[in-house]
Protein backbone atom coordinates (compact mmCIF):
# COMPACT_ATOMS: atom_id res chain seq x y z
CA UNK A 1 0.00 0.00 0.00
CA UNK A 2 1.34 3.44 -0.92
CA UNK A 3 1.70 6.40 1.43
CA UNK A 4 -1.88 7.52 1.24
CA UNK A 5 -3.12 9.60 4.16
CA UNK A 6 -3.20 13.38 3.83
CA UNK A 7 -5.44 15.14 6.37
CA UNK A 8 -6.09 18.83 6.81
CA UNK A 9 -7.10 19.15 10.43
CA UNK A 10 -5.90 20.18 13.80
CA UNK A 11 -3.76 17.80 15.82
CA UNK A 12 -6.65 16.72 18.06
CA UNK A 13 -8.76 15.49 15.18
CA UNK A 14 -5.74 13.86 13.61
CA UNK A 15 -5.18 11.72 16.70
CA UNK A 16 -8.81 10.60 16.69
CA UNK A 17 -8.63 9.59 13.03
CA UNK A 18 -5.47 7.60 13.55
CA UNK A 19 -7.13 5.71 16.39
CA UNK A 20 -10.29 4.88 14.51
CA UNK A 21 -8.78 4.26 11.06
CA UNK A 22 -5.71 2.10 11.66
CA UNK A 23 -6.38 0.09 8.50
CA UNK A 24 -5.59 3.14 6.38
CA UNK A 25 -1.91 2.92 7.25
CA UNK A 26 0.40 0.30 5.86
CA UNK A 27 3.05 -1.02 8.18
CA UNK A 28 5.77 0.55 6.07
CA UNK A 29 3.94 3.87 6.10
CA UNK A 30 3.40 3.85 9.85
CA UNK A 31 7.12 3.47 10.48
CA UNK A 32 7.97 6.51 8.36
CA UNK A 33 5.54 9.32 9.05
CA UNK A 34 2.01 10.06 10.21
CA UNK A 35 0.67 12.03 7.25
CA UNK A 36 1.55 12.00 3.58
CA UNK A 37 1.31 15.76 3.10
CA UNK A 38 -0.49 18.79 4.44
CA UNK A 39 -1.38 21.17 1.66
CA UNK A 40 -4.01 23.89 1.71
CA UNK A 41 -5.42 26.16 -0.95
CA UNK A 42 -3.62 28.83 -2.89
CA UNK A 43 -3.71 32.31 -1.47
CA UNK A 44 -6.45 34.68 -2.57
CA UNK A 45 -3.86 36.92 -4.20
CA UNK A 46 -3.23 34.05 -6.59
CA UNK A 47 -6.75 32.66 -6.87
CA UNK A 48 -8.62 35.86 -7.73
CA UNK A 49 -6.90 36.54 -11.10
CA UNK A 50 -7.41 32.97 -12.29
CA UNK A 51 -10.86 32.29 -10.85
CA UNK A 52 -12.46 32.53 -14.31
CA UNK A 53 -10.17 29.80 -15.55
CA UNK A 54 -11.03 27.13 -13.06
CA UNK A 55 -14.75 27.79 -13.19
CA UNK A 56 -14.98 27.14 -16.93
CA UNK A 57 -15.04 23.60 -18.31
CA UNK A 58 -14.49 24.82 -21.88
CA UNK A 59 -11.25 26.55 -20.90
CA UNK A 60 -10.01 23.48 -19.06
CA UNK A 61 -10.79 21.25 -22.03
CA UNK A 62 -9.05 23.68 -24.38
CA UNK A 63 -5.80 23.57 -22.41
CA UNK A 64 -5.95 19.79 -22.37
CA UNK A 65 -6.51 19.51 -26.12
CA UNK A 66 -3.80 22.07 -26.92
CA UNK A 67 -1.14 20.71 -24.57
CA UNK A 68 2.35 20.40 -26.01
CA UNK A 69 5.33 18.67 -24.51
CA UNK A 70 7.29 20.90 -22.16
CA UNK A 71 10.23 20.13 -19.89
CA UNK A 72 10.66 21.33 -16.32
CA UNK A 73 14.11 22.02 -14.89
CA UNK A 74 14.59 20.14 -11.59
CA UNK A 75 17.26 20.92 -9.01
CA UNK A 76 17.82 18.15 -6.48
CA UNK A 77 19.08 18.88 -2.95
CA UNK A 78 20.22 16.25 -0.41
CA UNK A 79 20.42 17.25 3.27
CA UNK A 80 22.82 15.42 5.61
CA UNK A 81 24.04 16.09 9.15
CA UNK A 82 26.68 18.77 9.63
CA UNK A 83 29.41 16.12 9.77
CA UNK A 84 28.27 14.69 6.43
CA UNK A 85 26.70 11.57 7.91
CA UNK A 86 23.17 10.26 7.59
CA UNK A 87 22.53 11.05 3.96
CA UNK A 88 20.97 8.88 1.30
CA UNK A 89 23.08 7.55 -1.53
CA UNK A 90 23.05 10.15 -4.32
CA UNK A 91 22.05 7.42 -6.77
CA UNK A 92 18.76 7.07 -4.87
CA UNK A 93 18.14 10.81 -5.07
CA UNK A 94 18.96 10.77 -8.78
CA UNK A 95 16.04 8.39 -9.33
CA UNK A 96 13.56 11.20 -8.58
CA UNK A 97 13.70 12.61 -12.12
CA UNK A 98 13.20 9.26 -13.92
CA UNK A 99 10.32 8.46 -11.54
CA UNK A 100 8.66 11.78 -12.34
CA UNK A 101 9.08 11.24 -16.07
CA UNK A 102 7.47 7.82 -15.79
CA UNK A 103 4.58 9.08 -13.64
CA UNK A 104 3.82 12.10 -15.82
CA UNK A 105 4.00 10.02 -19.02
CA UNK A 106 0.89 8.16 -17.84
CA UNK A 107 -0.21 4.72 -18.91
CA UNK A 108 -2.01 5.84 -22.09
CA UNK A 109 -1.97 8.74 -24.51
CA UNK A 110 -5.06 10.30 -22.90
CA UNK A 111 -3.38 10.67 -19.51
CA UNK A 112 0.09 11.50 -20.80
CA UNK A 113 0.58 14.94 -19.27
CA UNK A 114 3.21 15.90 -21.91
CA UNK A 115 5.23 17.30 -18.99
CA UNK A 116 8.79 16.05 -18.70
CA UNK A 117 11.58 16.72 -16.23
CA UNK A 118 15.29 17.42 -16.69
CA UNK A 119 17.87 17.38 -13.92
CA UNK A 120 19.83 20.60 -13.49
CA UNK A 121 23.49 19.94 -12.78
CA UNK A 122 24.80 17.83 -9.91
CA UNK A 123 22.91 17.18 -6.70
CA UNK A 124 23.28 20.02 -4.22
CA UNK A 125 24.52 18.53 -0.93
CA UNK A 126 23.62 20.50 2.22
CA UNK A 127 25.47 19.44 5.37
CA UNK A 128 23.39 20.93 8.20
CA UNK A 129 22.02 19.18 11.27
CA UNK A 130 19.56 22.06 11.62
CA UNK A 131 17.79 21.05 8.44
CA UNK A 132 18.46 17.32 8.61
CA UNK A 133 15.12 17.04 10.43
CA UNK A 134 12.53 19.76 9.89
CA UNK A 135 10.82 20.53 13.20
CA UNK A 136 8.76 23.62 12.39
CA UNK A 137 7.55 25.87 9.62
CA UNK A 138 10.34 28.41 10.11
CA UNK A 139 12.95 25.73 9.46
CA UNK A 140 10.99 24.57 6.43
CA UNK A 141 10.85 28.03 4.88
CA UNK A 142 14.54 28.57 5.60
CA UNK A 143 15.34 25.21 3.98
CA UNK A 144 13.61 26.30 0.78
CA UNK A 145 16.10 29.16 0.42
CA UNK A 146 19.26 27.04 0.66
CA UNK A 147 21.16 26.65 -2.62
CA UNK A 148 17.90 27.42 -4.37
CA UNK A 149 18.22 27.33 -8.14
CA UNK A 150 16.29 30.01 -10.02
CA UNK A 151 14.08 28.98 -12.92
CA UNK A 152 13.81 25.45 -11.54
CA UNK A 153 11.64 23.19 -9.42
CA UNK A 154 13.73 22.65 -6.26
CA UNK A 155 13.30 19.32 -4.46
CA UNK A 156 14.82 18.99 -0.97
CA UNK A 157 15.38 15.52 0.49
CA UNK A 158 15.61 15.50 4.30
CA UNK A 159 15.73 12.71 6.86
CA UNK A 160 12.38 13.59 8.45
CA UNK A 161 9.71 16.27 8.34
CA UNK A 162 8.47 16.29 11.94
CA UNK A 163 6.59 19.58 11.55
CA UNK A 164 2.79 19.41 11.22
CA UNK A 165 2.60 15.96 12.80
CA UNK A 166 5.16 14.27 10.56
CA UNK A 167 4.97 14.36 6.79
CA UNK A 168 6.15 12.38 3.79
CA UNK A 169 6.34 15.56 1.74
CA UNK A 170 5.26 19.19 1.78
CA UNK A 171 5.27 21.97 -0.78
CA UNK A 172 6.22 25.58 -0.27
CA UNK A 173 2.73 26.58 -1.43
CA UNK A 174 0.25 26.24 -4.26
CA UNK A 175 1.61 26.92 -6.81
CA UNK A 176 5.29 26.83 -5.91
CA UNK A 177 8.81 26.07 -7.06
CA UNK A 178 9.97 24.02 -4.08
CA UNK A 179 8.97 21.08 -1.93
CA UNK A 180 10.53 18.70 0.57
CA UNK A 181 10.48 14.90 0.81
CA UNK A 182 11.66 12.62 3.57
CA UNK A 183 14.21 9.85 3.10
CA UNK A 184 11.61 7.09 3.30
CA UNK A 185 9.63 8.49 0.37
CA UNK A 186 12.71 8.67 -1.85
CA UNK A 187 14.13 5.31 -0.78
CA UNK A 188 10.86 3.54 -1.54
CA UNK A 189 10.09 5.55 -4.68
CA UNK A 190 6.53 6.20 -3.60
CA UNK A 191 3.91 8.07 -5.59
CA UNK A 192 4.15 10.88 -3.04
CA UNK A 193 6.84 12.39 -5.29
CA UNK A 194 4.43 12.88 -8.22
CA UNK A 195 1.69 13.91 -5.76
CA UNK A 196 3.78 16.78 -4.40
CA UNK A 197 4.72 17.97 -7.89
CA UNK A 198 0.98 18.04 -8.63
CA UNK A 199 0.57 20.47 -5.73
CA UNK A 200 3.38 22.66 -7.07
CA UNK A 201 1.52 22.77 -10.38
CA UNK A 202 -1.76 23.96 -8.81
CA UNK A 203 -3.51 20.65 -8.11
CA UNK A 204 -5.44 20.04 -4.89
CA UNK A 205 -6.37 16.82 -3.16
CA UNK A 206 -9.46 15.21 -4.64
CA UNK A 207 -10.92 15.49 -1.12
CA UNK A 208 -10.03 19.16 -0.69
CA UNK A 209 -12.31 21.69 0.99
CA UNK A 210 -11.97 25.37 1.84
CA UNK A 211 -13.94 28.59 2.28
CA UNK A 212 -12.62 31.88 0.90
CA UNK A 213 -13.44 35.35 2.11
CA UNK A 214 -13.28 37.83 -0.76
CA UNK A 215 -14.08 41.36 0.33
CA UNK A 216 -17.39 41.26 2.14
CA UNK A 217 -18.40 37.95 0.58
CA UNK A 218 -17.61 34.45 1.75
CA UNK A 219 -17.13 31.89 -1.01
CA UNK A 220 -18.26 28.70 0.66
CA UNK A 221 -16.78 25.90 -1.30
CA UNK A 222 -17.43 23.23 1.28
CA UNK A 223 -17.94 19.60 0.37
CA UNK A 224 -18.18 18.55 -3.23
CA UNK A 225 -21.46 17.10 -4.50
CA UNK A 226 -21.45 13.87 -6.51
CA UNK A 227 -23.58 15.29 -9.30
CA UNK A 228 -21.91 16.21 -12.59
CA UNK A 229 -25.00 17.68 -14.21
CA UNK A 230 -24.06 21.33 -14.69
CA UNK A 231 -27.75 22.38 -14.61
CA UNK A 232 -28.30 20.59 -11.30
CA UNK A 233 -28.75 23.04 -8.44
CA UNK A 234 -26.38 20.95 -6.34
CA UNK A 235 -23.61 20.99 -8.96
CA UNK A 236 -20.49 22.54 -7.44
CA UNK A 237 -17.62 20.52 -8.96
CA UNK A 238 -15.79 23.63 -10.20
CA UNK A 239 -16.27 25.47 -6.92
CA UNK A 240 -15.80 22.80 -4.25
CA UNK A 241 -13.38 20.02 -3.47
CA UNK A 242 -10.46 20.16 -5.90
CA UNK A 243 -12.50 22.44 -8.21
CA UNK A 244 -12.34 20.09 -11.18
CA UNK A 245 -15.19 18.48 -13.06
CA UNK A 246 -13.58 15.18 -14.09
CA UNK A 247 -12.31 14.14 -10.65
CA UNK A 248 -15.21 12.55 -8.81
CA UNK A 249 -16.38 13.76 -5.41
CA UNK A 250 -14.17 12.28 -2.72
CA UNK A 251 -15.39 11.86 0.87
CA UNK A 252 -12.00 11.27 2.43
CA UNK A 253 -12.30 14.43 4.51
CA UNK A 254 -15.46 14.78 6.56
CA UNK A 255 -15.11 18.43 7.43
CA UNK A 256 -17.06 21.14 5.65
CA UNK A 257 -20.72 21.02 4.72
CA UNK A 258 -23.02 20.95 1.72
CA UNK A 259 -25.61 23.56 1.03
CA UNK A 260 -28.61 22.40 3.12
CA UNK A 261 -30.62 21.22 0.13
CA UNK A 262 -27.83 18.94 -1.04
CA UNK A 263 -27.12 17.09 2.19
CA UNK A 264 -28.86 13.99 0.90
CA UNK A 265 -26.30 13.25 -1.81
CA UNK A 266 -23.16 13.24 0.27
CA UNK A 267 -20.54 10.95 -1.36
CA UNK A 268 -19.79 7.89 0.73
CA UNK A 269 -16.53 6.48 -0.65
CA UNK A 270 -13.23 7.31 -2.34
CA UNK A 271 -14.04 6.83 -6.02
CA UNK A 272 -10.63 7.30 -7.71
CA UNK A 273 -7.92 5.28 -5.98
CA UNK A 274 -5.72 5.54 -9.11
CA UNK A 275 -5.57 9.36 -9.09
CA UNK A 276 -2.23 10.83 -8.01
CA UNK A 277 -4.01 13.50 -5.96
CA UNK A 278 -6.25 11.10 -4.04
CA UNK A 279 -5.53 9.02 -0.96
CA UNK A 280 -5.88 5.87 -3.05
CA UNK A 281 -3.46 2.97 -3.04
CA UNK A 282 -3.25 2.52 -6.84
CA UNK A 283 -2.17 5.98 -7.90
CA UNK A 284 -0.97 6.08 -11.49
CA UNK A 285 -2.63 8.92 -13.44
CA UNK A 286 -3.88 12.47 -13.69
CA UNK A 287 -7.21 13.36 -15.29
CA UNK A 288 -7.46 15.55 -18.42
CA UNK A 289 -8.60 18.59 -16.39
CA UNK A 290 -5.78 18.09 -13.89
CA UNK A 291 -3.41 17.98 -16.85
CA UNK A 292 -5.00 21.13 -18.28
CA UNK A 293 -4.59 23.00 -15.00
CA UNK A 294 -0.92 22.05 -14.77
CA UNK A 295 -0.25 23.27 -18.32
CA UNK A 296 -2.06 26.50 -17.57
CA UNK A 297 0.05 27.19 -14.51
CA UNK A 298 3.26 26.29 -16.34
CA UNK A 299 2.29 28.63 -19.17
CA UNK A 300 1.49 31.71 -17.12
CA UNK A 301 2.68 31.46 -13.50
CA UNK A 302 5.56 29.00 -13.48
CA UNK A 303 6.80 29.53 -17.02
CA UNK A 304 10.32 30.20 -15.72
CA UNK A 305 10.78 26.59 -14.60
CA UNK A 306 10.23 25.40 -18.17
CA UNK A 307 12.81 27.85 -19.52
CA UNK A 308 16.56 28.05 -19.31
CA UNK A 309 18.84 31.00 -20.07
CA UNK A 310 21.11 30.28 -23.04
CA UNK A 311 23.96 32.64 -23.93
CA UNK A 312 24.92 33.01 -27.59
CA UNK A 313 28.32 34.11 -28.78
CA UNK A 314 30.97 34.06 -31.50
CA UNK A 315 34.25 32.84 -30.02
CA UNK A 316 37.87 32.49 -30.94
CA UNK A 317 39.13 29.95 -28.40
CA UNK A 318 37.97 31.43 -25.05
CA UNK A 319 37.72 34.98 -26.43
CA UNK A 320 34.24 36.34 -26.99
CA UNK A 321 34.14 38.29 -30.26
CA UNK A 322 31.83 41.12 -29.24
CA UNK A 323 29.63 43.18 -31.53
CA UNK A 324 30.98 46.63 -32.42
CA UNK A 325 29.84 49.30 -34.92
CA UNK A 326 32.86 48.61 -37.12
CA UNK A 327 32.88 44.81 -36.75
CA UNK A 328 29.45 43.20 -36.53
CA UNK A 329 29.29 40.03 -34.44
CA UNK A 330 25.72 38.77 -34.18
CA UNK A 331 23.72 35.57 -34.18
CA UNK A 332 20.13 34.66 -35.04
CA UNK A 333 17.91 32.43 -32.88
CA UNK A 334 14.81 31.48 -34.84
CA UNK A 335 14.01 34.93 -36.23
CA UNK A 336 15.51 37.02 -33.42
CA UNK A 337 18.92 38.62 -33.90
CA UNK A 338 21.13 38.86 -30.81
CA UNK A 339 24.50 40.44 -30.18
CA UNK A 340 27.39 38.10 -29.46
CA UNK A 341 27.34 37.48 -25.70
CA UNK A 342 23.59 38.04 -25.27
CA UNK A 343 21.39 35.46 -23.49
CA UNK A 344 17.81 34.41 -24.23
CA UNK A 345 15.33 32.41 -22.12
CA UNK A 346 14.39 29.32 -24.12
CA UNK A 347 11.92 26.53 -23.45
CA UNK A 348 13.68 23.45 -22.14
CA UNK A 349 13.48 20.52 -24.52
CA UNK A 350 12.39 22.61 -27.51
CA UNK A 351 14.29 22.73 -30.79
CA UNK A 352 15.61 26.08 -32.04
CA UNK A 353 17.30 27.32 -35.19
CA UNK A 354 20.61 28.96 -34.35
CA UNK A 355 22.91 30.74 -36.81
CA UNK A 356 26.05 32.83 -36.63
CA UNK A 357 25.67 35.74 -39.02
CA UNK A 358 29.43 35.95 -39.67
CA UNK A 359 31.17 33.29 -41.76
CA UNK A 360 34.60 34.77 -41.01
CA UNK A 361 36.36 37.66 -39.30
CA UNK A 362 39.19 39.20 -41.32
CA UNK A 363 41.81 40.98 -39.25
CA UNK A 364 40.41 39.91 -35.88
CA UNK A 365 42.70 41.28 -33.19
CA UNK A 366 43.19 38.63 -30.52
CA UNK A 367 44.32 39.97 -27.11
CA UNK A 368 46.73 37.04 -26.86
CA UNK A 369 47.77 36.23 -30.45
CA UNK A 370 47.55 39.45 -32.42
CA UNK A 371 45.82 39.90 -35.76
CA UNK A 372 44.25 36.79 -37.28
CA UNK A 373 41.92 35.74 -40.04
CA UNK A 374 39.39 33.30 -38.59
CA UNK A 375 36.28 31.58 -39.88
CA UNK A 376 33.52 29.49 -38.35
CA UNK A 377 34.37 25.85 -37.76
CA UNK A 378 31.78 24.36 -35.37
CA UNK A 379 29.35 24.86 -32.50
CA UNK A 380 30.36 24.12 -28.92
CA UNK A 381 33.40 22.15 -30.15
CA UNK A 382 31.09 19.49 -31.61
CA UNK A 383 32.84 18.60 -34.85
CA UNK A 384 29.79 17.46 -36.84
CA UNK A 385 27.93 20.69 -36.07
CA UNK A 386 30.02 22.59 -38.60
CA UNK A 387 27.47 24.62 -40.53
CA UNK A 388 26.75 28.28 -39.88
CA UNK A 389 23.19 27.32 -38.93
CA UNK A 390 22.25 24.27 -36.88
CA UNK A 391 19.15 23.02 -35.10
CA UNK A 392 19.73 22.60 -31.37
CA UNK A 393 17.70 21.63 -28.32
CA UNK A 394 17.65 23.97 -25.33
CA UNK A 395 18.57 22.16 -22.12
CA UNK A 396 19.90 22.91 -18.68
CA UNK A 397 23.18 21.05 -19.20
CA UNK A 398 24.48 23.39 -21.92
CA UNK A 399 23.79 27.02 -20.95
CA UNK A 400 25.85 28.38 -23.87
CA UNK A 401 25.61 28.18 -27.65
CA UNK A 402 29.10 29.00 -28.90
CA UNK A 403 29.98 29.54 -32.56
CA UNK A 404 33.66 28.54 -32.60
CA UNK A 405 36.04 30.30 -35.01
CA UNK A 406 39.55 29.11 -35.96
CA UNK A 407 42.35 30.49 -38.17
CA UNK A 408 42.33 29.46 -41.82
CA UNK A 409 45.21 29.32 -44.30
CA UNK A 410 45.50 29.73 -48.09
CA UNK A 411 45.75 26.57 -50.18
CA UNK A 412 45.96 25.65 -53.87
CA UNK A 413 44.18 22.81 -55.65
CA UNK A 414 45.38 22.43 -59.24
CA UNK A 415 46.27 20.22 -62.16
CA UNK A 416 49.98 19.45 -62.54
CA UNK A 417 50.88 18.25 -66.04
CA UNK A 418 53.83 15.90 -66.06
CA UNK A 419 54.86 17.85 -69.13
CA UNK A 420 55.80 20.80 -66.92
CA UNK A 421 52.68 23.01 -66.76
CA UNK A 422 50.59 23.80 -63.64
CA UNK A 423 47.20 25.50 -63.74
CA UNK A 424 43.91 25.93 -61.91
CA UNK A 425 41.25 23.94 -63.63
CA UNK A 426 37.54 23.35 -63.05
CA UNK A 427 38.05 19.61 -63.54
CA UNK A 428 39.87 19.43 -60.19
CA UNK A 429 37.35 19.71 -57.33
CA UNK A 430 37.59 20.08 -53.57
CA UNK A 431 34.96 19.00 -51.10
CA UNK A 432 35.11 21.66 -48.41
CA UNK A 433 32.43 21.09 -45.73
CA UNK A 434 32.65 24.75 -44.69
CA UNK A 435 32.27 26.22 -48.19
CA UNK A 436 29.33 28.62 -48.57
CA UNK A 437 27.80 28.55 -52.05
CA UNK A 438 26.18 31.42 -53.94
CA UNK A 439 22.83 30.64 -52.31
CA UNK A 440 24.27 30.86 -48.80
CA UNK A 441 24.10 27.10 -48.29
CA UNK A 442 26.80 24.70 -47.13
CA UNK A 443 26.15 21.54 -49.18
CA UNK A 444 29.38 19.72 -48.22
CA UNK A 445 29.76 18.74 -51.89
CA UNK A 446 32.57 18.76 -54.45
CA UNK A 447 33.09 22.04 -56.30
CA UNK A 448 35.75 23.96 -58.19
CA UNK A 449 38.20 25.58 -55.79
CA UNK A 450 39.59 28.87 -57.10
CA UNK A 451 42.64 30.54 -55.64
CA UNK A 452 42.37 31.55 -52.00
CA UNK A 453 41.99 35.10 -50.74
CA UNK A 454 41.23 36.42 -47.27
CA UNK A 455 37.63 36.93 -48.31
CA UNK A 456 37.00 33.53 -49.88
CA UNK A 457 37.96 29.93 -49.29
CA UNK A 458 40.88 29.08 -47.04
CA UNK A 459 41.29 25.78 -45.23
CA UNK A 460 41.73 24.62 -41.64
CA UNK A 461 45.01 22.89 -40.85
CA UNK A 462 45.14 19.43 -39.33
CA UNK A 463 41.49 18.53 -40.00
CA UNK A 464 41.79 14.81 -39.36
CA UNK A 465 40.00 12.22 -41.48
CA UNK A 466 37.33 10.44 -39.43
CA UNK A 467 33.92 9.18 -40.60
CA UNK A 468 32.07 11.10 -37.89
CA UNK A 469 33.85 14.41 -38.57
CA UNK A 470 33.91 16.76 -41.56
CA UNK A 471 37.05 16.46 -43.68
CA UNK A 472 38.47 17.69 -46.97
CA UNK A 473 38.61 15.58 -50.13
CA UNK A 474 39.70 16.13 -53.76
CA UNK A 475 38.65 14.46 -56.99
CA UNK A 476 39.28 14.66 -60.75
CA UNK A 477 37.54 13.74 -63.97
CA UNK A 478 39.00 11.27 -66.47
CA UNK A 479 39.25 13.44 -69.58
CA UNK A 480 38.43 17.10 -70.21
CA UNK A 481 39.20 19.96 -72.58
CA UNK A 482 40.76 22.72 -70.54
CA UNK A 483 40.05 26.40 -70.72
CA UNK A 484 42.04 29.33 -69.42
CA UNK A 485 45.75 28.70 -68.95
CA UNK A 486 46.26 26.20 -71.80
CA UNK A 487 43.21 26.73 -73.97
CA UNK A 488 42.81 24.19 -76.72
CA UNK A 489 45.13 21.55 -75.27
CA UNK A 490 43.58 18.23 -74.50
CA UNK A 491 44.41 16.98 -70.96
CA UNK A 492 44.09 13.31 -70.08
CA UNK A 493 44.39 11.15 -67.04
CA UNK A 494 46.51 8.16 -68.04
CA UNK A 495 44.97 5.00 -66.50
CA UNK A 496 48.13 2.87 -66.85
CA UNK A 497 50.51 5.55 -65.53
CA UNK A 498 52.60 4.09 -62.69
CA UNK A 499 53.27 7.40 -60.89
CA UNK A 500 50.75 8.55 -58.19
CA UNK A 501 47.68 10.42 -59.35
CA UNK A 502 48.13 13.01 -56.60
CA UNK A 503 51.10 14.87 -55.20
CA UNK A 504 51.50 17.93 -53.05
CA UNK A 505 53.41 20.00 -50.52
CA UNK A 506 52.14 20.70 -47.00
CA UNK A 507 49.38 18.15 -47.53
CA UNK A 508 48.72 14.48 -46.71
CA UNK A 509 46.88 12.50 -49.40
CA UNK A 510 45.18 9.38 -48.12
CA UNK A 511 44.68 7.54 -51.43
CA UNK A 512 47.20 9.03 -53.92
CA UNK A 513 46.29 6.66 -56.78
CA UNK A 514 42.52 7.24 -56.68
CA UNK A 515 40.50 9.75 -58.64
CA UNK A 516 38.89 10.80 -55.32
CA UNK A 517 40.70 10.94 -52.00
CA UNK A 518 40.51 12.59 -48.54
CA UNK A 519 43.29 15.06 -47.80
CA UNK A 520 44.67 16.86 -44.74
CA UNK A 521 46.21 20.32 -45.12
CA UNK A 522 49.16 20.60 -42.77
CA UNK A 523 50.79 23.95 -43.54
CA UNK A 524 50.01 27.44 -44.86
CA UNK A 525 50.05 27.73 -48.67
CA UNK A 526 49.65 23.98 -49.07
CA UNK A 527 49.39 22.66 -52.65
CA UNK A 528 47.62 19.52 -53.80
CA UNK A 529 48.06 18.60 -57.47
CA UNK A 530 46.38 16.08 -59.74
CA UNK A 531 48.87 14.65 -62.25
CA UNK A 532 47.72 14.72 -65.85
CA UNK A 533 49.22 14.32 -69.34
CA UNK A 534 48.79 17.05 -71.89
CA UNK A 535 48.03 15.63 -75.31
CA UNK A 536 51.06 16.11 -77.61
CA UNK A 537 52.80 18.12 -74.89
CA UNK A 538 56.37 17.28 -73.91
CA UNK A 539 58.83 18.46 -71.34
CA UNK A 540 61.53 17.98 -74.02
CA UNK A 541 61.65 20.62 -76.73
CA UNK A 542 62.43 18.36 -79.74
CA UNK A 543 60.73 15.23 -78.49
CA UNK A 544 58.49 14.87 -81.57
CA UNK A 545 61.05 15.61 -84.31
CA UNK A 546 63.00 13.01 -86.26
CA UNK A 547 66.53 12.55 -84.91
CA UNK A 548 69.03 10.90 -87.22
CA UNK A 549 68.05 7.35 -87.81
CA UNK A 550 65.53 7.32 -84.92
CA UNK A 551 62.05 7.71 -86.29
CA UNK A 552 59.35 9.35 -84.18
CA UNK A 553 56.55 9.14 -86.79
CA UNK A 554 55.29 6.20 -88.79
CA UNK A 555 52.47 6.00 -91.35
CA UNK A 556 50.16 3.04 -91.63
CA UNK A 557 50.72 1.71 -95.14
CA UNK A 558 47.04 0.83 -95.45
CA UNK A 559 45.88 4.46 -95.10
CA UNK A 560 47.23 7.85 -96.03
CA UNK A 561 45.59 9.42 -92.95
CA UNK A 562 46.74 7.07 -90.17
CA UNK A 563 49.94 8.08 -88.38
CA UNK A 564 51.62 6.91 -85.16
CA UNK A 565 53.77 9.07 -82.92
CA UNK A 566 56.14 8.08 -80.14
CA UNK A 567 57.89 10.67 -77.98
CA UNK A 568 59.32 11.41 -74.53
CA UNK A 569 57.94 13.64 -71.79
CA UNK A 570 59.10 13.71 -68.16
CA UNK A 571 61.44 10.76 -68.74
CA UNK A 572 58.64 8.53 -70.02
CA UNK A 573 57.82 7.25 -73.49
CA UNK A 574 54.34 7.92 -74.94
CA UNK A 575 52.47 6.57 -77.94
CA UNK A 576 49.56 8.23 -79.72
CA UNK A 577 47.98 8.02 -83.17
CA UNK A 578 45.69 9.90 -85.56
CA UNK A 579 43.22 8.56 -88.14
CA UNK A 580 42.61 11.91 -89.87
CA UNK A 581 46.07 13.15 -90.74
CA UNK A 582 46.57 14.91 -87.41
CA UNK A 583 43.29 16.74 -87.02
CA UNK A 584 42.79 14.89 -83.73
CA UNK A 585 44.92 12.48 -81.75
CA UNK A 586 44.12 9.59 -79.38
CA UNK A 587 44.92 9.46 -75.69
CA UNK A 588 48.59 8.97 -75.10
CA UNK A 589 49.60 5.49 -74.06
CA UNK A 590 52.39 5.11 -71.54
CA UNK A 591 54.98 2.64 -72.83
CA UNK A 592 57.64 2.87 -70.14
CA UNK A 593 60.48 4.98 -68.87
CA UNK A 594 63.06 6.25 -71.34
CA UNK A 595 64.97 9.17 -72.82
CA UNK A 596 64.47 10.90 -76.14
CA UNK A 597 67.59 9.41 -77.72
CA UNK A 598 66.67 5.85 -76.91
CA UNK A 599 63.46 5.18 -78.81
CA UNK A 600 62.09 4.95 -82.35
CA UNK A 601 59.01 3.56 -84.08
CA UNK A 602 58.46 1.31 -87.06
CA UNK A 603 55.54 -0.62 -88.52
CA UNK A 604 55.49 -4.11 -90.05
CA UNK A 605 54.22 -4.06 -93.63
């Protein structure tokens, strides 16, 4: 049987009830405390502004239907004796948040509250014999101020709560941002934990009663009638008891009175033993209107506990790059622009669009390293969050959203003809994850890489090659006609060439013989070159001319238009041929290493 008894009464009546109702207490419960909790109504200063809400079924139903998942920040506090003894194991205290998430998820979609809980930081340990056992209300109120975390629901775990006759748990008020539990409740993971959170979120006991005095009028709520017919003259579900329509009248508390004409329909039993706010022994759910009331209070009166401050900034190492009139440094969160270093309150657990509005800072003056050119590399040092804009989830564990900037260096990606020419060429492509295209996107795709300037391109040094991290890669096509530096010259990749496809300085090439390979730039002004053969180009001036008895050309005797040519370039012998008297030539074929004076060609007739 769960911890179930919660009586609002003076001590004399409490003693009588304990004597006459011993069956209501389990053995385990009796050894731990006398009463589960002692919670009254909210103050009139709170009730008056929201009275219209809780007296309207349509409004309650609306907030239930429109509920969206929200996450509450929870700060856990463990109280021990001054010498550090007597405390629970922190692992037991840590179970509070998972227990709350399970309880508030419900056992079906209809009673899923859509309220979740997130632990804020480490457990706060309070070593104080004064607060180890709470003996009176003054100690309780003082406890609620110790190490209190703003914008959070603070839960204090103490050895005993002897005040008010001995309690399993008690809240600071209704609504509130703090409550206390005793060791027994936490050790045994009882439903009292969810029950007390319900109080913090403006839920009363299903057997609640109270009269209010507003001005000269007394609002006599009294006992709740069983009837749920809103036209019935005895209907008072939204004014009496827990002031909700879909929690049945509960006769657990026999104080209060009905209007005289309704005395005959007094409820006689506890009808909802599975409701978290009842005294039942099967507590496992909240009703839709209880859920609606909790969402209402979290939306308007406790909204701070579902929010967390998140600071946004552009950073070079630990240096915040602040916004100035001459050097803008701003970020955008959803559609709101903020200055670097500014904080916003965001809903815990919600996704947000975050973007740094600067791709690079040219001439950034570092207080420690002088003038640098830096560009954005990642967010919060998470390597795979490398784009200028990323979707992130606000949570209490990461109170900062940092756009990290690092120095970049010039680099060259080019074609290197073995015949002795080097040139930039659109057939050589670099995959730069950080490249911003003309549409402002970062597709992480291969593209032509023009020469580097401070305003464009530039690479990060030492960007290691790992599958889970962004890295650079280069690739080439097989055959293209170039433009620009050597217009009109056909350039070919030679499949049977034994030398590596790629070479470079200040760069590491992972797969030098592949048409596509990852690369790491290791030094400023690094160069990575794809080796190609220019058609009919030679590094030797007279390579294609006849030399004495060594023939370079030979005509096919079967055709007047078919010629073969053999020549040297870069210490290698090449063969090509034409079928149209030299108007066009085939791809060169690599025959082997050799010098110009050591080769000739002839054809068998």
